[in-house]
Amino acid sequence: MSFFENTRKPTGFGGKLMVLMMNVGHRALSGWGLRFLKIAPDAKVLDCGCGGGANIRALLKKCPKGIVKGIDYSAVSAEQARKRNADAIQAGRCAVWQGSVEQIIFASGWFDAVTAFETVYFWPGLVPCFREVYRVLKPDGTFLICNECGGDIPGDEKWTQRISGMRIYKDTQLKAALEEAGFRDVQIYKHKRDWLCVLARNTGKVLTHNYILKEVWGSALASDTPSLRVFMATLRKKIEKDPSAPRYIQTHIGVGYRMIRQ
């Protein structure tokens, strides 16, 4: 296996060396990308493809009262990320799991933000993976993608020749995939070095009955759902010009409600 294959899935001694190199080599890119991520001090953040854990460390500093979790499908990466953030793990502010973005192990609607640094090149199908990110984000949550290769320089293709399974995406391709997965408010930032940062939000996400009951009333009992429906009907009468043709709160039968921005 070529040494550069370790950028896709670090394994063995070569993988450990690559993870250390990436922690240092991607520092400037990550610092630039994180400037665009606005999160609260107590935010819950997931770093997908967390590598050696340097970005987890940076995110812990960015939300000093929050929780940062990481996933990576490389056992070597997960191990190194745990070592780098051992103090935060012991303090209960961090957890790192070996796993895939195809089936993110965390609960729906749990994270305020999800980040992906130098990793979507290797994701097995953008739209299905983006839908998983969408699922674990809270309503109005933010998804940040940061790539060193923006696809605008012909020389970028040398990496796809060296590393099997790597695909470099242009900003338009990422935007289209994000919107197909349900994201909105897609913002694109470019650096003179061909770096690319894409921010997207899951504005307009359907809020399930359980989510509303738990977040607003502190209960998620199925028996409370009829009361929730009565409450939403009353709310509609107060804020909608015509409650029978709502403009602000849409019902998704059997699922929940979608809040519409005007």
C-alpha atoms as a PDB file:
ATOM      1  CA  MET A   1       0.000   0.000   0.000  1.00  0.00           C
ATOM      2  CA  SER A   2       1.275   3.479  -0.885  1.00  0.00           C
ATOM      3  CA  PHE A   3       2.125   5.716   2.050  1.00  0.00           C
ATOM      4  CA  PHE A   4      -0.336   8.306   0.702  1.00  0.00           C
ATOM      5  CA  GLU A   5      -3.172   5.780   1.025  1.00  0.00           C
ATOM      6  CA  ASN A   6      -2.963   6.532   4.739  1.00  0.00           C
ATOM      7  CA  THR A   7      -4.647   9.882   4.088  1.00  0.00           C
ATOM      8  CA  ARG A   8      -7.799   7.906   3.303  1.00  0.00           C
ATOM      9  CA  LYS A   9      -7.651   5.357   6.105  1.00  0.00           C
ATOM     10  CA  PRO A  10      -4.544   5.391   8.304  1.00  0.00           C
ATOM     11  CA  THR A  11      -3.303   1.925   9.286  1.00  0.00           C
ATOM     12  CA  GLY A  12      -0.211   0.581  11.017  1.00  0.00           C
ATOM     13  CA  PHE A  13       2.954   2.555  11.683  1.00  0.00           C
ATOM     14  CA  GLY A  14       2.612   4.512   8.429  1.00  0.00           C
ATOM     15  CA  GLY A  15      -0.880   5.519   9.467  1.00  0.00           C
ATOM     16  CA  LYS A  16       0.292   6.776  12.859  1.00  0.00           C
ATOM     17  CA  LEU A  17       2.964   8.857  11.130  1.00  0.00           C
ATOM     18  CA  MET A  18       0.426  10.240   8.647  1.00  0.00           C
ATOM     19  CA  VAL A  19      -1.981  11.211  11.433  1.00  0.00           C
ATOM     20  CA  LEU A  20       0.775  13.170  13.186  1.00  0.00           C
ATOM     21  CA  MET A  21       1.700  14.878   9.919  1.00  0.00           C
ATOM     22  CA  MET A  22      -1.927  15.819   9.233  1.00  0.00           C
ATOM     23  CA  ASN A  23      -2.347  17.303  12.714  1.00  0.00           C
ATOM     24  CA  VAL A  24       0.468  19.725  11.905  1.00  0.00           C
ATOM     25  CA  GLY A  25      -0.018  20.129   8.156  1.00  0.00           C
ATOM     26  CA  HIS A  26      -3.727  20.973   8.318  1.00  0.00           C
ATOM     27  CA  ARG A  27      -3.423  23.448  11.194  1.00  0.00           C
ATOM     28  CA  ALA A  28      -3.517  26.573   9.022  1.00  0.00           C
ATOM     29  CA  LEU A  29      -6.442  25.275   6.938  1.00  0.00           C
ATOM     30  CA  SER A  30      -8.443  24.337  10.018  1.00  0.00           C
ATOM     31  CA  GLY A  31      -7.768  27.673  11.702  1.00  0.00           C
ATOM     32  CA  TRP A  32      -8.997  29.489   8.610  1.00  0.00           C
ATOM     33  CA  GLY A  33     -12.134  27.368   8.321  1.00  0.00           C
ATOM     34  CA  LEU A  34     -13.060  27.602  11.991  1.00  0.00           C
ATOM     35  CA  ARG A  35     -13.283  31.391  11.697  1.00  0.00           C
ATOM     36  CA  PHE A  36     -16.558  30.925   9.818  1.00  0.00           C
ATOM     37  CA  LEU A  37     -18.133  28.637  12.423  1.00  0.00           C
ATOM     38  CA  LYS A  38     -20.221  30.561  14.940  1.00  0.00           C
ATOM     39  CA  ILE A  39     -21.142  28.419  17.933  1.00  0.00           C
ATOM     40  CA  ALA A  40     -22.122  29.037  21.531  1.00  0.00           C
ATOM     41  CA  PRO A  41     -19.683  28.383  24.393  1.00  0.00           C
ATOM     42  CA  ASP A  42     -21.816  25.411  25.490  1.00  0.00           C
ATOM     43  CA  ALA A  43     -22.339  23.954  22.011  1.00  0.00           C
ATOM     44  CA  LYS A  44     -22.373  20.255  21.206  1.00  0.00           C
ATOM     45  CA  VAL A  45     -20.167  19.532  18.204  1.00  0.00           C
ATOM     46  CA  LEU A  46     -19.362  16.432  16.149  1.00  0.00           C
ATOM     47  CA  ASP A  47     -16.131  16.234  14.139  1.00  0.00           C
ATOM     48  CA  CYS A  48     -16.488  13.673  11.322  1.00  0.00           C
ATOM     49  CA  GLY A  49     -13.271  12.084  10.111  1.00  0.00           C
ATOM     50  CA  CYS A  50     -11.545  13.434  13.189  1.00  0.00           C
ATOM     51  CA  GLY A  51      -8.099  12.090  12.254  1.00  0.00           C
ATOM     52  CA  GLY A  52      -5.528  12.670  14.960  1.00  0.00           C
ATOM     53  CA  GLY A  53      -7.829  14.842  17.054  1.00  0.00           C
ATOM     54  CA  ALA A  54      -6.222  18.255  16.517  1.00  0.00           C
ATOM     55  CA  ASN A  55      -9.504  19.760  15.324  1.00  0.00           C
ATOM     56  CA  ILE A  56     -11.347  18.262  18.285  1.00  0.00           C
ATOM     57  CA  ARG A  57      -8.847  20.092  20.467  1.00  0.00           C
ATOM     58  CA  ALA A  58      -9.498  23.358  18.638  1.00  0.00           C
ATOM     59  CA  LEU A  59     -13.263  22.900  18.892  1.00  0.00           C
ATOM     60  CA  LEU A  60     -13.028  22.264  22.641  1.00  0.00           C
ATOM     61  CA  LYS A  61     -11.313  25.643  22.973  1.00  0.00           C
ATOM     62  CA  LYS A  62     -13.937  27.295  20.777  1.00  0.00           C
ATOM     63  CA  CYS A  63     -16.774  26.028  23.007  1.00  0.00           C
ATOM     64  CA  PRO A  64     -15.159  25.904  26.486  1.00  0.00           C
ATOM     65  CA  LYS A  65     -18.379  24.820  28.198  1.00  0.00           C
ATOM     66  CA  GLY A  66     -19.505  22.474  25.464  1.00  0.00           C
ATOM     67  CA  ILE A  67     -19.033  18.872  24.378  1.00  0.00           C
ATOM     68  CA  VAL A  68     -17.106  17.719  21.312  1.00  0.00           C
ATOM     69  CA  LYS A  69     -17.350  14.210  19.929  1.00  0.00           C
ATOM     70  CA  GLY A  70     -15.445  12.642  17.071  1.00  0.00           C
ATOM     71  CA  ILE A  71     -15.836   9.722  14.695  1.00  0.00           C
ATOM     72  CA  ASP A  72     -13.359   8.194  12.277  1.00  0.00           C
ATOM     73  CA  TYR A  73     -13.474   4.857  10.481  1.00  0.00           C
ATOM     74  CA  SER A  74      -9.758   4.341  11.051  1.00  0.00           C
ATOM     75  CA  ALA A  75      -8.875   2.588  14.297  1.00  0.00           C
ATOM     76  CA  VAL A  76      -5.470   4.305  14.242  1.00  0.00           C
ATOM     77  CA  SER A  77      -7.057   7.759  13.926  1.00  0.00           C
ATOM     78  CA  ALA A  78      -9.575   7.110  16.690  1.00  0.00           C
ATOM     79  CA  GLU A  79      -6.820   5.900  19.010  1.00  0.00           C
ATOM     80  CA  GLN A  80      -4.608   8.923  18.345  1.00  0.00           C
ATOM     81  CA  ALA A  81      -7.537  11.329  18.753  1.00  0.00           C
ATOM     82  CA  ARG A  82      -8.337   9.802  22.139  1.00  0.00           C
ATOM     83  CA  LYS A  83      -4.729  10.178  23.279  1.00  0.00           C
ATOM     84  CA  ARG A  84      -4.570  13.807  22.172  1.00  0.00           C
ATOM     85  CA  ASN A  85      -7.779  14.668  24.018  1.00  0.00           C
ATOM     86  CA  ALA A  86      -7.460  12.357  27.012  1.00  0.00           C
ATOM     87  CA  ASP A  87      -7.933  15.175  29.515  1.00  0.00           C
ATOM     88  CA  ALA A  88     -11.213  16.305  27.933  1.00  0.00           C
ATOM     89  CA  ILE A  89     -12.431  12.699  27.732  1.00  0.00           C
ATOM     90  CA  GLN A  90     -11.717  12.227  31.430  1.00  0.00           C
ATOM     91  CA  ALA A  91     -13.577  15.473  32.176  1.00  0.00           C
ATOM     92  CA  GLY A  92     -16.633  14.204  30.295  1.00  0.00           C
ATOM     93  CA  ARG A  93     -16.396  16.826  27.561  1.00  0.00           C
ATOM     94  CA  CYS A  94     -15.213  14.581  24.740  1.00  0.00           C
ATOM     95  CA  ALA A  95     -15.696  11.135  23.238  1.00  0.00           C
ATOM     96  CA  VAL A  96     -14.152   9.537  20.160  1.00  0.00           C
ATOM     97  CA  TRP A  97     -15.639   6.556  18.368  1.00  0.00           C
ATOM     98  CA  GLN A  98     -14.543   4.420  15.469  1.00  0.00           C
ATOM     99  CA  GLY A  99     -17.371   4.539  12.956  1.00  0.00           C
ATOM    100  CA  SER A 100     -18.583   5.641   9.546  1.00  0.00           C
ATOM    101  CA  VAL A 101     -20.500   8.709   8.405  1.00  0.00           C
ATOM    102  CA  GLU A 102     -22.760   6.324   6.479  1.00  0.00           C
ATOM    103  CA  GLN A 103     -24.394   5.384   9.779  1.00  0.00           C
ATOM    104  CA  ILE A 104     -23.527   7.909  12.461  1.00  0.00           C
ATOM    105  CA  ILE A 105     -23.997   6.246  15.831  1.00  0.00           C
ATOM    106  CA  PHE A 106     -25.302   9.340  17.627  1.00  0.00           C
ATOM    107  CA  ALA A 107     -28.935  10.255  18.269  1.00  0.00           C
ATOM    108  CA  SER A 108     -30.977  12.466  15.965  1.00  0.00           C
ATOM    109  CA  GLY A 109     -31.090  16.188  16.681  1.00  0.00           C
ATOM    110  CA  TRP A 110     -28.244  16.148  19.210  1.00  0.00           C
ATOM    111  CA  PHE A 111     -25.531  18.410  17.780  1.00  0.00           C
ATOM    112  CA  ASP A 112     -25.429  22.173  17.272  1.00  0.00           C
ATOM    113  CA  ALA A 113     -22.692  21.808  14.677  1.00  0.00           C
ATOM    114  CA  VAL A 114     -20.935  19.123  12.649  1.00  0.00           C
ATOM    115  CA  THR A 115     -17.513  19.630  11.062  1.00  0.00           C
ATOM    116  CA  ALA A 116     -15.643  17.769   8.340  1.00  0.00           C
ATOM    117  CA  PHE A 117     -12.035  18.766   7.661  1.00  0.00           C
ATOM    118  CA  GLU A 118     -10.213  17.189   4.718  1.00  0.00           C
ATOM    119  CA  THR A 119     -12.465  14.151   4.702  1.00  0.00           C
ATOM    120  CA  VAL A 120     -15.456  14.391   2.327  1.00  0.00           C
ATOM    121  CA  TYR A 121     -13.111  13.405  -0.537  1.00  0.00           C
ATOM    122  CA  PHE A 122     -13.442   9.830   0.740  1.00  0.00           C
ATOM    123  CA  TRP A 123     -17.096   9.676   1.779  1.00  0.00           C
ATOM    124  CA  PRO A 124     -19.004   6.832   0.057  1.00  0.00           C
ATOM    125  CA  GLY A 125     -21.693   8.929  -1.607  1.00  0.00           C
ATOM    126  CA  LEU A 126     -22.146  12.550  -0.589  1.00  0.00           C
ATOM    127  CA  VAL A 127     -25.934  12.783  -0.412  1.00  0.00           C
ATOM    128  CA  PRO A 128     -26.557   9.742   1.859  1.00  0.00           C
ATOM    129  CA  CYS A 129     -23.739  10.830   4.185  1.00  0.00           C
ATOM    130  CA  PHE A 130     -24.956  14.436   4.209  1.00  0.00           C
ATOM    131  CA  ARG A 131     -28.409  13.161   5.147  1.00  0.00           C
ATOM    132  CA  GLU A 132     -26.881  11.416   8.150  1.00  0.00           C
ATOM    133  CA  VAL A 133     -25.228  14.683   9.176  1.00  0.00           C
ATOM    134  CA  TYR A 134     -28.578  16.433   8.705  1.00  0.00           C
ATOM    135  CA  ARG A 135     -30.227  13.831  10.936  1.00  0.00           C
ATOM    136  CA  VAL A 136     -27.910  14.321  13.917  1.00  0.00           C
ATOM    137  CA  LEU A 137     -28.033  18.116  13.773  1.00  0.00           C
ATOM    138  CA  LYS A 138     -30.463  20.143  15.831  1.00  0.00           C
ATOM    139  CA  PRO A 139     -32.886  22.409  13.942  1.00  0.00           C
ATOM    140  CA  ASP A 140     -30.907  25.365  12.558  1.00  0.00           C
ATOM    141  CA  GLY A 141     -27.697  23.431  13.205  1.00  0.00           C
ATOM    142  CA  THR A 142     -24.592  24.158  11.139  1.00  0.00           C
ATOM    143  CA  PHE A 143     -22.506  21.841   8.970  1.00  0.00           C
ATOM    144  CA  LEU A 144     -18.982  22.998   8.111  1.00  0.00           C
ATOM    145  CA  ILE A 145     -16.899  21.409   5.348  1.00  0.00           C
ATOM    146  CA  CYS A 146     -13.293  22.501   4.920  1.00  0.00           C
ATOM    147  CA  ASN A 147     -11.100  21.197   2.067  1.00  0.00           C
ATOM    148  CA  GLU A 148      -7.535  21.988   1.098  1.00  0.00           C
ATOM    149  CA  CYS A 149      -8.333  21.091  -2.531  1.00  0.00           C
ATOM    150  CA  GLY A 150     -11.119  23.248  -3.940  1.00  0.00           C
ATOM    151  CA  GLY A 151     -11.127  21.675  -7.381  1.00  0.00           C
ATOM    152  CA  ASP A 152     -10.202  24.862  -9.217  1.00  0.00           C
ATOM    153  CA  ILE A 153      -6.545  24.022  -9.814  1.00  0.00           C
ATOM    154  CA  PRO A 154      -5.661  21.321 -12.389  1.00  0.00           C
ATOM    155  CA  GLY A 155      -2.804  20.160 -10.168  1.00  0.00           C
ATOM    156  CA  ASP A 156      -5.337  18.958  -7.578  1.00  0.00           C
ATOM    157  CA  GLU A 157      -5.962  15.879  -9.694  1.00  0.00           C
ATOM    158  CA  LYS A 158      -2.515  14.493  -8.930  1.00  0.00           C
ATOM    159  CA  TRP A 159      -3.866  13.467  -5.534  1.00  0.00           C
ATOM    160  CA  THR A 160      -6.737  11.462  -7.016  1.00  0.00           C
ATOM    161  CA  GLN A 161      -4.152   9.548  -9.035  1.00  0.00           C
ATOM    162  CA  ARG A 162      -2.062   8.775  -5.971  1.00  0.00           C
ATOM    163  CA  ILE A 163      -4.891   7.931  -3.589  1.00  0.00           C
ATOM    164  CA  SER A 164      -7.524   5.390  -4.619  1.00  0.00           C
ATOM    165  CA  GLY A 165     -11.109   6.316  -3.873  1.00  0.00           C
ATOM    166  CA  MET A 166     -10.367  10.027  -3.524  1.00  0.00           C
ATOM    167  CA  ARG A 167     -12.639  12.507  -5.279  1.00  0.00           C
ATOM    168  CA  ILE A 168     -12.195  16.269  -5.256  1.00  0.00           C
ATOM    169  CA  TYR A 169     -15.416  18.287  -5.302  1.00  0.00           C
ATOM    170  CA  LYS A 170     -15.985  21.806  -6.543  1.00  0.00           C
ATOM    171  CA  ASP A 171     -18.073  24.233  -4.514  1.00  0.00           C
ATOM    172  CA  THR A 172     -21.031  23.843  -6.886  1.00  0.00           C
ATOM    173  CA  GLN A 173     -21.008  20.060  -6.463  1.00  0.00           C
ATOM    174  CA  LEU A 174     -20.962  20.282  -2.674  1.00  0.00           C
ATOM    175  CA  LYS A 175     -23.743  22.880  -2.688  1.00  0.00           C
ATOM    176  CA  ALA A 176     -25.936  20.711  -4.909  1.00  0.00           C
ATOM    177  CA  ALA A 177     -25.402  17.623  -2.733  1.00  0.00           C
ATOM    178  CA  LEU A 178     -26.101  19.562   0.456  1.00  0.00           C
ATOM    179  CA  GLU A 179     -29.347  20.963  -0.888  1.00  0.00           C
ATOM    180  CA  GLU A 180     -30.427  17.535  -2.115  1.00  0.00           C
ATOM    181  CA  ALA A 181     -29.831  16.242   1.420  1.00  0.00           C
ATOM    182  CA  GLY A 182     -32.101  18.958   2.830  1.00  0.00           C
ATOM    183  CA  PHE A 183     -29.674  21.704   3.823  1.00  0.00           C
ATOM    184  CA  ARG A 184     -30.324  25.372   3.129  1.00  0.00           C
ATOM    185  CA  ASP A 185     -28.491  28.688   3.529  1.00  0.00           C
ATOM    186  CA  VAL A 186     -25.354  27.277   1.889  1.00  0.00           C
ATOM    187  CA  GLN A 187     -22.437  29.701   2.099  1.00  0.00           C
ATOM    188  CA  ILE A 188     -19.165  29.312   0.228  1.00  0.00           C
ATOM    189  CA  TYR A 189     -15.781  30.756   1.144  1.00  0.00           C
ATOM    190  CA  LYS A 190     -12.584  30.483  -0.890  1.00  0.00           C
ATOM    191  CA  HIS A 191      -8.969  31.120   0.008  1.00  0.00           C
ATOM    192  CA  LYS A 192      -6.313  32.305  -2.417  1.00  0.00           C
ATOM    193  CA  ARG A 193      -4.508  28.985  -1.873  1.00  0.00           C
ATOM    194  CA  ASP A 194      -7.512  27.130  -3.369  1.00  0.00           C
ATOM    195  CA  TRP A 195      -8.830  26.199   0.062  1.00  0.00           C
ATOM    196  CA  LEU A 196     -12.584  25.762   0.199  1.00  0.00           C
ATOM    197  CA  CYS A 197     -14.975  26.170   3.122  1.00  0.00           C
ATOM    198  CA  VAL A 198     -18.697  25.456   2.840  1.00  0.00           C
ATOM    199  CA  LEU A 199     -21.242  26.212   5.561  1.00  0.00           C
ATOM    200  CA  ALA A 200     -24.803  24.901   5.471  1.00  0.00           C
ATOM    201  CA  ARG A 201     -27.742  24.924   7.862  1.00  0.00           C
ATOM    202  CA  ASN A 202     -30.700  22.603   8.245  1.00  0.00           C
ATOM    203  CA  THR A 203     -33.158  25.490   8.300  1.00  0.00           C
ATOM    204  CA  GLY A 204     -36.733  24.309   7.980  1.00  0.00           C
ATOM    205  CA  LYS A 205     -36.077  20.881   9.474  1.00  0.00           C
ATOM    206  CA  VAL A 206     -39.165  18.963  10.551  1.00  0.00           C
ATOM    207  CA  LEU A 207     -39.407  18.900  14.344  1.00  0.00           C
ATOM    208  CA  THR A 208     -40.793  15.562  15.471  1.00  0.00           C
ATOM    209  CA  HIS A 209     -43.478  15.292  18.136  1.00  0.00           C
ATOM    210  CA  ASN A 210     -40.972  13.659  20.489  1.00  0.00           C
ATOM    211  CA  TYR A 211     -38.389  16.388  19.920  1.00  0.00           C
ATOM    212  CA  ILE A 212     -40.837  19.201  20.718  1.00  0.00           C
ATOM    213  CA  LEU A 213     -42.254  17.429  23.754  1.00  0.00           C
ATOM    214  CA  LYS A 214     -38.807  16.749  25.164  1.00  0.00           C
ATOM    215  CA  GLU A 215     -37.240  20.144  24.423  1.00  0.00           C
ATOM    216  CA  VAL A 216     -40.224  22.322  25.376  1.00  0.00           C
ATOM    217  CA  TRP A 217     -42.130  20.289  27.964  1.00  0.00           C
ATOM    218  CA  GLY A 218     -39.398  18.032  29.254  1.00  0.00           C
ATOM    219  CA  SER A 219     -41.386  14.912  28.384  1.00  0.00           C
ATOM    220  CA  ALA A 220     -41.513  12.672  25.330  1.00  0.00           C
ATOM    221  CA  LEU A 221     -44.435  10.427  26.255  1.00  0.00           C
ATOM    222  CA  ALA A 222     -46.639   9.355  23.343  1.00  0.00           C
ATOM    223  CA  SER A 223     -49.670  10.112  25.500  1.00  0.00           C
ATOM    224  CA  ASP A 224     -48.737  13.809  25.423  1.00  0.00           C
ATOM    225  CA  THR A 225     -48.942  14.053  21.624  1.00  0.00           C
ATOM    226  CA  PRO A 226     -52.700  14.888  21.509  1.00  0.00           C
ATOM    227  CA  SER A 227     -52.080  17.781  23.922  1.00  0.00           C
ATOM    228  CA  LEU A 228     -49.304  19.007  21.660  1.00  0.00           C
ATOM    229  CA  ARG A 229     -51.655  18.970  18.661  1.00  0.00           C
ATOM    230  CA  VAL A 230     -54.218  21.040  20.586  1.00  0.00           C
ATOM    231  CA  PHE A 231     -51.509  23.515  21.585  1.00  0.00           C
ATOM    232  CA  MET A 232     -50.245  23.868  17.989  1.00  0.00           C
ATOM    233  CA  ALA A 233     -53.794  24.387  16.712  1.00  0.00           C
ATOM    234  CA  THR A 234     -54.294  27.161  19.281  1.00  0.00           C
ATOM    235  CA  LEU A 235     -50.964  28.728  18.321  1.00  0.00           C
ATOM    236  CA  ARG A 236     -51.936  28.709  14.656  1.00  0.00           C
ATOM    237  CA  LYS A 237     -55.153  30.611  15.427  1.00  0.00           C
ATOM    238  CA  LYS A 238     -53.048  33.308  17.044  1.00  0.00           C
ATOM    239  CA  ILE A 239     -50.313  33.731  14.429  1.00  0.00           C
ATOM    240  CA  GLU A 240     -51.815  32.568  11.125  1.00  0.00           C
ATOM    241  CA  LYS A 241     -54.062  34.767   9.004  1.00  0.00           C
ATOM    242  CA  ASP A 242     -55.827  31.625   7.786  1.00  0.00           C
ATOM    243  CA  PRO A 243     -55.155  28.620  10.097  1.00  0.00           C
ATOM    244  CA  SER A 244     -56.541  26.251   7.455  1.00  0.00           C
ATOM    245  CA  ALA A 245     -53.762  27.352   5.062  1.00  0.00           C
ATOM    246  CA  PRO A 246     -50.806  27.897   7.419  1.00  0.00           C
ATOM    247  CA  ARG A 247     -47.802  29.931   6.308  1.00  0.00           C
ATOM    248  CA  TYR A 248     -45.654  29.653   9.432  1.00  0.00           C
ATOM    249  CA  ILE A 249     -46.271  26.185  10.883  1.00  0.00           C
ATOM    250  CA  GLN A 250     -46.718  23.219   8.563  1.00  0.00           C
ATOM    251  CA  THR A 251     -47.998  19.855   9.784  1.00  0.00           C
ATOM    252  CA  HIS A 252     -46.265  16.655   8.709  1.00  0.00           C
ATOM    253  CA  ILE A 253     -48.864  14.046   9.579  1.00  0.00           C
ATOM    254  CA  GLY A 254     -47.612  11.390  11.958  1.00  0.00           C
ATOM    255  CA  VAL A 255     -44.194  13.075  12.228  1.00  0.00           C
ATOM    256  CA  GLY A 256     -44.286  16.618  13.568  1.00  0.00           C
ATOM    257  CA  TYR A 257     -44.118  20.244  12.444  1.00  0.00           C
ATOM    258  CA  ARG A 258     -41.972  22.429  10.233  1.00  0.00           C
ATOM    259  CA  MET A 259     -41.428  26.094  11.091  1.00  0.00           C
ATOM    260  CA  ILE A 260     -41.298  28.201   7.928  1.00  0.00           C
ATOM    261  CA  ARG A 261     -39.242  31.380   7.699  1.00  0.00           C
ATOM    262  CA  GLN A 262     -40.802  34.276   5.794  1.00  0.00           C
END
